[in-house]
PDB file of N, CA and C in Angstrom:
ATOM      1  N   MET A   1       9.200 -10.927   5.573  1.00  0.00           N
ATOM      2  CA  MET A   1      10.506 -10.381   5.850  1.00  0.00           C
ATOM      3  C   MET A   1      10.416  -9.227   6.840  1.00  0.00           C
ATOM      4  N   ALA A   2       9.413  -8.374   6.721  1.00  0.00           N
ATOM      5  CA  ALA A   2       9.288  -7.229   7.624  1.00  0.00           C
ATOM      6  C   ALA A   2       9.118  -7.694   9.066  1.00  0.00           C
ATOM      7  N   PHE A   3       8.386  -8.777   9.275  1.00  0.00           N
ATOM      8  CA  PHE A   3       8.188  -9.278  10.635  1.00  0.00           C
ATOM      9  C   PHE A   3       9.462  -9.896  11.189  1.00  0.00           C
ATOM     10  N   LYS A   4      10.230 -10.585  10.344  1.00  0.00           N
ATOM     11  CA  LYS A   4      11.462 -11.223  10.796  1.00  0.00           C
ATOM     12  C   LYS A   4      12.516 -10.198  11.188  1.00  0.00           C
ATOM     13  N   THR A   5      12.623  -9.128  10.415  1.00  0.00           N
ATOM     14  CA  THR A   5      13.659  -8.133  10.653  1.00  0.00           C
ATOM     15  C   THR A   5      13.196  -6.978  11.538  1.00  0.00           C
ATOM     16  N   GLY A   6      11.881  -6.790  11.627  1.00  0.00           N
ATOM     17  CA  GLY A   6      11.352  -5.642  12.365  1.00  0.00           C
ATOM     18  C   GLY A   6      11.500  -4.340  11.599  1.00  0.00           C
ATOM     19  N   GLN A   7      11.819  -4.433  10.313  1.00  0.00           N
ATOM     20  CA  GLN A   7      12.027  -3.255   9.479  1.00  0.00           C
ATOM     21  C   GLN A   7      10.903  -3.099   8.461  1.00  0.00           C
ATOM     22  N   THR A   8      10.535  -1.866   8.224  1.00  0.00           N
ATOM     23  CA  THR A   8       9.530  -1.569   7.212  1.00  0.00           C
ATOM     24  C   THR A   8      10.151  -1.720   5.833  1.00  0.00           C
ATOM     25  N   GLN A   9       9.395  -2.269   4.895  1.00  0.00           N
ATOM     26  CA  GLN A   9       9.847  -2.408   3.507  1.00  0.00           C
ATOM     27  C   GLN A   9       9.098  -1.392   2.653  1.00  0.00           C
ATOM     28  N   LEU A  10       9.829  -0.673   1.822  1.00  0.00           N
ATOM     29  CA  LEU A  10       9.277   0.383   0.965  1.00  0.00           C
ATOM     30  C   LEU A  10       9.577   0.084  -0.498  1.00  0.00           C
ATOM     31  N   TRP A  11       8.650   0.428  -1.369  1.00  0.00           N
ATOM     32  CA  TRP A  11       8.890   0.357  -2.815  1.00  0.00           C
ATOM     33  C   TRP A  11       7.895   1.247  -3.525  1.00  0.00           C
ATOM     34  N   ILE A  12       8.198   1.569  -4.777  1.00  0.00           N
ATOM     35  CA  ILE A  12       7.320   2.402  -5.592  1.00  0.00           C
ATOM     36  C   ILE A  12       6.792   1.557  -6.753  1.00  0.00           C
ATOM     37  N   GLU A  13       5.563   1.836  -7.150  1.00  0.00           N
ATOM     38  CA  GLU A  13       4.947   1.084  -8.244  1.00  0.00           C
ATOM     39  C   GLU A  13       4.423   2.056  -9.289  1.00  0.00           C
ATOM     40  N   THR A  14       4.446   1.625 -10.539  1.00  0.00           N
ATOM     41  CA  THR A  14       3.935   2.448 -11.635  1.00  0.00           C
ATOM     42  C   THR A  14       2.410   2.490 -11.581  1.00  0.00           C
ATOM     43  N   PRO A  15       1.829   3.553 -12.134  1.00  0.00           N
ATOM     44  CA  PRO A  15       0.372   3.725 -12.035  1.00  0.00           C
ATOM     45  C   PRO A  15      -0.447   2.551 -12.571  1.00  0.00           C
ATOM     46  N   TYR A  16      -0.064   2.003 -13.711  1.00  0.00           N
ATOM     47  CA  TYR A  16      -0.884   0.957 -14.319  1.00  0.00           C
ATOM     48  C   TYR A  16      -0.853  -0.353 -13.545  1.00  0.00           C
ATOM     49  N   ARG A  17       0.054  -0.494 -12.580  1.00  0.00           N
ATOM     50  CA  ARG A  17       0.126  -1.723 -11.788  1.00  0.00           C
ATOM     51  C   ARG A  17      -0.415  -1.550 -10.366  1.00  0.00           C
ATOM     52  N   ASN A  18      -0.922  -0.367 -10.025  1.00  0.00           N
ATOM     53  CA  ASN A  18      -1.393  -0.116  -8.659  1.00  0.00           C
ATOM     54  C   ASN A  18      -2.498  -1.081  -8.225  1.00  0.00           C
ATOM     55  N   ALA A  19      -3.485  -1.287  -9.047  1.00  0.00           N
ATOM     56  CA  ALA A  19      -4.611  -2.154  -8.669  1.00  0.00           C
ATOM     57  C   ALA A  19      -4.146  -3.592  -8.456  1.00  0.00           C
ATOM     58  N   ALA A  20      -3.321  -4.093  -9.361  1.00  0.00           N
ATOM     59  CA  ALA A  20      -2.816  -5.461  -9.228  1.00  0.00           C
ATOM     60  C   ALA A  20      -1.923  -5.605  -7.997  1.00  0.00           C
ATOM     61  N   MET A  21      -1.125  -4.584  -7.710  1.00  0.00           N
ATOM     62  CA  MET A  21      -0.256  -4.626  -6.536  1.00  0.00           C
ATOM     63  C   MET A  21      -1.094  -4.691  -5.261  1.00  0.00           C
ATOM     64  N   LEU A  22      -2.090  -3.834  -5.152  1.00  0.00           N
ATOM     65  CA  LEU A  22      -2.925  -3.834  -3.955  1.00  0.00           C
ATOM     66  C   LEU A  22      -3.655  -5.165  -3.806  1.00  0.00           C
ATOM     67  N   ASP A  23      -4.213  -5.674  -4.887  1.00  0.00           N
ATOM     68  CA  ASP A  23      -4.906  -6.971  -4.821  1.00  0.00           C
ATOM     69  C   ASP A  23      -3.964  -8.082  -4.348  1.00  0.00           C
ATOM     70  N   GLY A  24      -2.769  -8.119  -4.908  1.00  0.00           N
ATOM     71  CA  GLY A  24      -1.801  -9.133  -4.524  1.00  0.00           C
ATOM     72  C   GLY A  24      -1.395  -9.025  -3.061  1.00  0.00           C
ATOM     73  N   LEU A  25      -1.192  -7.801  -2.594  1.00  0.00           N
ATOM     74  CA  LEU A  25      -0.828  -7.605  -1.190  1.00  0.00           C
ATOM     75  C   LEU A  25      -1.943  -8.057  -0.258  1.00  0.00           C
ATOM     76  N   LEU A  26      -3.177  -7.707  -0.584  1.00  0.00           N
ATOM     77  CA  LEU A  26      -4.305  -8.074   0.280  1.00  0.00           C
ATOM     78  C   LEU A  26      -4.521  -9.585   0.312  1.00  0.00           C
ATOM     79  N   GLN A  27      -4.160 -10.265  -0.752  1.00  0.00           N
ATOM     80  CA  GLN A  27      -4.293 -11.726  -0.786  1.00  0.00           C
ATOM     81  C   GLN A  27      -3.171 -12.433  -0.041  1.00  0.00           C
ATOM     82  N   SER A  28      -1.988 -11.828   0.005  1.00  0.00           N
ATOM     83  CA  SER A  28      -0.833 -12.552   0.546  1.00  0.00           C
ATOM     84  C   SER A  28      -0.378 -12.123   1.938  1.00  0.00           C
ATOM     85  N   LEU A  29      -0.715 -10.921   2.373  1.00  0.00           N
ATOM     86  CA  LEU A  29      -0.266 -10.452   3.679  1.00  0.00           C
ATOM     87  C   LEU A  29      -1.210 -10.885   4.798  1.00  0.00           C
ATOM     88  N   GLN A  30      -0.675 -10.963   6.002  1.00  0.00           N
ATOM     89  CA  GLN A  30      -1.494 -11.282   7.171  1.00  0.00           C
ATOM     90  C   GLN A  30      -2.421 -10.111   7.483  1.00  0.00           C
ATOM     91  N   ALA A  31      -3.555 -10.411   8.085  1.00  0.00           N
ATOM     92  CA  ALA A  31      -4.565  -9.390   8.373  1.00  0.00           C
ATOM     93  C   ALA A  31      -4.042  -8.286   9.281  1.00  0.00           C
ATOM     94  N   THR A  32      -3.085  -8.597  10.135  1.00  0.00           N
ATOM     95  CA  THR A  32      -2.574  -7.606  11.085  1.00  0.00           C
ATOM     96  C   THR A  32      -1.420  -6.767  10.538  1.00  0.00           C
ATOM     97  N   THR A  33      -0.932  -7.094   9.347  1.00  0.00           N
ATOM     98  CA  THR A  33       0.166  -6.340   8.747  1.00  0.00           C
ATOM     99  C   THR A  33      -0.292  -4.929   8.422  1.00  0.00           C
ATOM    100  N   ARG A  34       0.554  -3.958   8.735  1.00  0.00           N
ATOM    101  CA  ARG A  34       0.263  -2.564   8.400  1.00  0.00           C
ATOM    102  C   ARG A  34       0.691  -2.305   6.959  1.00  0.00           C
ATOM    103  N   LEU A  35      -0.192  -1.681   6.194  1.00  0.00           N
ATOM    104  CA  LEU A  35       0.084  -1.336   4.806  1.00  0.00           C
ATOM    105  C   LEU A  35      -0.189   0.148   4.618  1.00  0.00           C
ATOM    106  N   ALA A  36       0.839   0.882   4.225  1.00  0.00           N
ATOM    107  CA  ALA A  36       0.691   2.310   3.938  1.00  0.00           C
ATOM    108  C   ALA A  36       0.879   2.513   2.440  1.00  0.00           C
ATOM    109  N   ILE A  37       0.044   3.369   1.869  1.00  0.00           N
ATOM    110  CA  ILE A  37       0.140   3.690   0.454  1.00  0.00           C
ATOM    111  C   ILE A  37       0.065   5.209   0.314  1.00  0.00           C
ATOM    112  N   ALA A  38       1.030   5.771  -0.400  1.00  0.00           N
ATOM    113  CA  ALA A  38       1.066   7.213  -0.650  1.00  0.00           C
ATOM    114  C   ALA A  38       1.125   7.434  -2.155  1.00  0.00           C
ATOM    115  N   SER A  39       0.227   8.258  -2.675  1.00  0.00           N
ATOM    116  CA  SER A  39       0.231   8.545  -4.110  1.00  0.00           C
ATOM    117  C   SER A  39       0.084  10.044  -4.327  1.00  0.00           C
ATOM    118  N   GLY A  40       0.548  10.492  -5.469  1.00  0.00           N
ATOM    119  CA  GLY A  40       0.460  11.906  -5.799  1.00  0.00           C
ATOM    120  C   GLY A  40       1.261  12.786  -4.863  1.00  0.00           C
ATOM    121  N   LEU A  41       2.409  12.307  -4.437  1.00  0.00           N
ATOM    122  CA  LEU A  41       3.175  13.030  -3.416  1.00  0.00           C
ATOM    123  C   LEU A  41       3.586  14.438  -3.822  1.00  0.00           C
ATOM    124  N   THR A  42       3.712  14.711  -5.093  1.00  0.00           N
ATOM    125  CA  THR A  42       4.095  16.052  -5.544  1.00  0.00           C
ATOM    126  C   THR A  42       2.915  16.836  -6.101  1.00  0.00           C
ATOM    127  N   LEU A  43       1.714  16.326  -5.906  1.00  0.00           N
ATOM    128  CA  LEU A  43       0.508  16.945  -6.464  1.00  0.00           C
ATOM    129  C   LEU A  43      -0.380  17.528  -5.369  1.00  0.00           C
ATOM    130  N   PRO A  44      -1.237  18.477  -5.713  1.00  0.00           N
ATOM    131  CA  PRO A  44      -2.198  18.981  -4.734  1.00  0.00           C
ATOM    132  C   PRO A  44      -3.168  17.890  -4.259  1.00  0.00           C
ATOM    133  N   SER A  45      -3.329  16.850  -5.054  1.00  0.00           N
ATOM    134  CA  SER A  45      -4.257  15.763  -4.718  1.00  0.00           C
ATOM    135  C   SER A  45      -3.573  14.627  -3.966  1.00  0.00           C
ATOM    136  N   VAL A  46      -2.522  14.927  -3.206  1.00  0.00           N
ATOM    137  CA  VAL A  46      -1.783  13.914  -2.466  1.00  0.00           C
ATOM    138  C   VAL A  46      -2.736  13.064  -1.617  1.00  0.00           C
ATOM    139  N   ASN A  47      -2.453  11.758  -1.550  1.00  0.00           N
ATOM    140  CA  ASN A  47      -3.284  10.842  -0.770  1.00  0.00           C
ATOM    141  C   ASN A  47      -2.358   9.876  -0.037  1.00  0.00           C
ATOM    142  N   ILE A  48      -2.399   9.891   1.293  1.00  0.00           N
ATOM    143  CA  ILE A  48      -1.578   9.004   2.111  1.00  0.00           C
ATOM    144  C   ILE A  48      -2.492   8.295   3.092  1.00  0.00           C
ATOM    145  N   GLN A  49      -2.457   6.957   3.074  1.00  0.00           N
ATOM    146  CA  GLN A  49      -3.285   6.157   3.968  1.00  0.00           C
ATOM    147  C   GLN A  49      -2.448   5.051   4.591  1.00  0.00           C
ATOM    148  N   SER A  50      -2.707   4.751   5.845  1.00  0.00           N
ATOM    149  CA  SER A  50      -2.034   3.656   6.536  1.00  0.00           C
ATOM    150  C   SER A  50      -3.071   2.909   7.360  1.00  0.00           C
ATOM    151  N   HIS A  51      -3.244   1.620   7.044  1.00  0.00           N
ATOM    152  CA  HIS A  51      -4.246   0.786   7.713  1.00  0.00           C
ATOM    153  C   HIS A  51      -3.722  -0.641   7.806  1.00  0.00           C
ATOM    154  N   SER A  52      -4.361  -1.441   8.618  1.00  0.00           N
ATOM    155  CA  SER A  52      -4.049  -2.870   8.630  1.00  0.00           C
ATOM    156  C   SER A  52      -4.624  -3.490   7.359  1.00  0.00           C
ATOM    157  N   VAL A  53      -4.089  -4.631   6.982  1.00  0.00           N
ATOM    158  CA  VAL A  53      -4.615  -5.336   5.803  1.00  0.00           C
ATOM    159  C   VAL A  53      -6.100  -5.636   5.995  1.00  0.00           C
ATOM    160  N   ALA A  54      -6.499  -6.007   7.204  1.00  0.00           N
ATOM    161  CA  ALA A  54      -7.913  -6.289   7.484  1.00  0.00           C
ATOM    162  C   ALA A  54      -8.777  -5.070   7.177  1.00  0.00           C
ATOM    163  N   GLN A  55      -8.304  -3.875   7.511  1.00  0.00           N
ATOM    164  CA  GLN A  55      -9.072  -2.663   7.219  1.00  0.00           C
ATOM    165  C   GLN A  55      -9.118  -2.395   5.720  1.00  0.00           C
ATOM    166  N   TRP A  56      -8.005  -2.582   5.023  1.00  0.00           N
ATOM    167  CA  TRP A  56      -7.999  -2.394   3.571  1.00  0.00           C
ATOM    168  C   TRP A  56      -9.002  -3.324   2.901  1.00  0.00           C
ATOM    169  N   LYS A  57      -9.105  -4.544   3.402  1.00  0.00           N
ATOM    170  CA  LYS A  57     -10.014  -5.524   2.799  1.00  0.00           C
ATOM    171  C   LYS A  57     -11.482  -5.152   2.960  1.00  0.00           C
ATOM    172  N   LYS A  58     -11.800  -4.246   3.840  1.00  0.00           N
ATOM    173  CA  LYS A  58     -13.186  -3.817   4.039  1.00  0.00           C
ATOM    174  C   LYS A  58     -13.653  -2.848   2.960  1.00  0.00           C
ATOM    175  N   GLY A  59     -12.825  -2.625   1.953  1.00  0.00           N
ATOM    176  CA  GLY A  59     -13.252  -1.814   0.823  1.00  0.00           C
ATOM    177  C   GLY A  59     -12.638  -0.432   0.737  1.00  0.00           C
ATOM    178  N   LEU A  60     -11.564  -0.191   1.467  1.00  0.00           N
ATOM    179  CA  LEU A  60     -10.896   1.099   1.333  1.00  0.00           C
ATOM    180  C   LEU A  60     -10.333   1.231  -0.067  1.00  0.00           C
ATOM    181  N   LYS A  61     -10.365   2.443  -0.606  1.00  0.00           N
ATOM    182  CA  LYS A  61      -9.873   2.658  -1.962  1.00  0.00           C
ATOM    183  C   LYS A  61      -8.376   2.894  -1.946  1.00  0.00           C
ATOM    184  N   GLY A  62      -7.692   2.215  -2.841  1.00  0.00           N
ATOM    185  CA  GLY A  62      -6.256   2.394  -3.006  1.00  0.00           C
ATOM    186  C   GLY A  62      -5.979   3.492  -4.023  1.00  0.00           C
ATOM    187  N   PRO A  63      -4.740   3.592  -4.472  1.00  0.00           N
ATOM    188  CA  PRO A  63      -4.374   4.629  -5.441  1.00  0.00           C
ATOM    189  C   PRO A  63      -5.031   4.390  -6.789  1.00  0.00           C
ATOM    190  N   ASP A  64      -5.194   5.490  -7.528  1.00  0.00           N
ATOM    191  CA  ASP A  64      -5.798   5.365  -8.858  1.00  0.00           C
ATOM    192  C   ASP A  64      -4.751   4.862  -9.850  1.00  0.00           C
ATOM    193  N   GLY A  65      -5.149   4.722 -11.059  1.00  0.00           N
ATOM    194  CA  GLY A  65      -4.249   4.234 -12.089  1.00  0.00           C
ATOM    195  C   GLY A  65      -3.557   5.337 -12.856  1.00  0.00           C
ATOM    196  N   HIS A  66      -3.460   6.536 -12.242  1.00  0.00           N
ATOM    197  CA  HIS A  66      -2.879   7.673 -12.953  1.00  0.00           C
ATOM    198  C   HIS A  66      -1.615   8.230 -12.313  1.00  0.00           C
ATOM    199  N   THR A  67      -1.329   7.853 -11.075  1.00  0.00           N
ATOM    200  CA  THR A  67      -0.143   8.375 -10.408  1.00  0.00           C
ATOM    201  C   THR A  67       0.658   7.233  -9.772  1.00  0.00           C
ATOM    202  N   PRO A  68       1.966   7.353  -9.755  1.00  0.00           N
ATOM    203  CA  PRO A  68       2.777   6.344  -9.077  1.00  0.00           C
ATOM    204  C   PRO A  68       2.429   6.324  -7.586  1.00  0.00           C
ATOM    205  N   ALA A  69       2.682   5.208  -6.941  1.00  0.00           N
ATOM    206  CA  ALA A  69       2.391   5.094  -5.518  1.00  0.00           C
ATOM    207  C   ALA A  69       3.590   4.479  -4.797  1.00  0.00           C
ATOM    208  N   VAL A  70       3.805   4.942  -3.580  1.00  0.00           N
ATOM    209  CA  VAL A  70       4.820   4.379  -2.712  1.00  0.00           C
ATOM    210  C   VAL A  70       4.104   3.468  -1.725  1.00  0.00           C
ATOM    211  N   TYR A  71       4.581   2.247  -1.581  1.00  0.00           N
ATOM    212  CA  TYR A  71       3.991   1.249  -0.686  1.00  0.00           C
ATOM    213  C   TYR A  71       4.953   0.991   0.466  1.00  0.00           C
ATOM    214  N   ALA A  72       4.396   0.736   1.640  1.00  0.00           N
ATOM    215  CA  ALA A  72       5.205   0.376   2.798  1.00  0.00           C
ATOM    216  C   ALA A  72       4.460  -0.692   3.582  1.00  0.00           C
ATOM    217  N   ILE A  73       5.171  -1.752   3.952  1.00  0.00           N
ATOM    218  CA  ILE A  73       4.580  -2.762   4.833  1.00  0.00           C
ATOM    219  C   ILE A  73       5.496  -2.912   6.038  1.00  0.00           C
ATOM    220  N   GLY A  74       4.870  -3.157   7.166  1.00  0.00           N
ATOM    221  CA  GLY A  74       5.648  -3.308   8.384  1.00  0.00           C
ATOM    222  C   GLY A  74       4.867  -4.034   9.443  1.00  0.00           C
ATOM    223  N   PRO A  75       5.593  -4.433  10.476  1.00  0.00           N
ATOM    224  CA  PRO A  75       4.966  -5.178  11.568  1.00  0.00           C
ATOM    225  C   PRO A  75       4.000  -4.315  12.361  1.00  0.00           C
TER     226      PRO A  75
END
């Protein structure tokens, strides 16, 4: 949908589903799709990363299972 509309899609996920969400995205998205994940936005340990799916698949660490995360995918 993001490629068809040219619009970024955003959503938030609960901490206990972060690992499953990232795994599902890496399996279903195209390698060139940009995936940004932001977690701990109100904490001193804030973590914001934006990479292509191909880069995420090389073993980059996603959010932990303790804080909600905001996901964004776009062309």
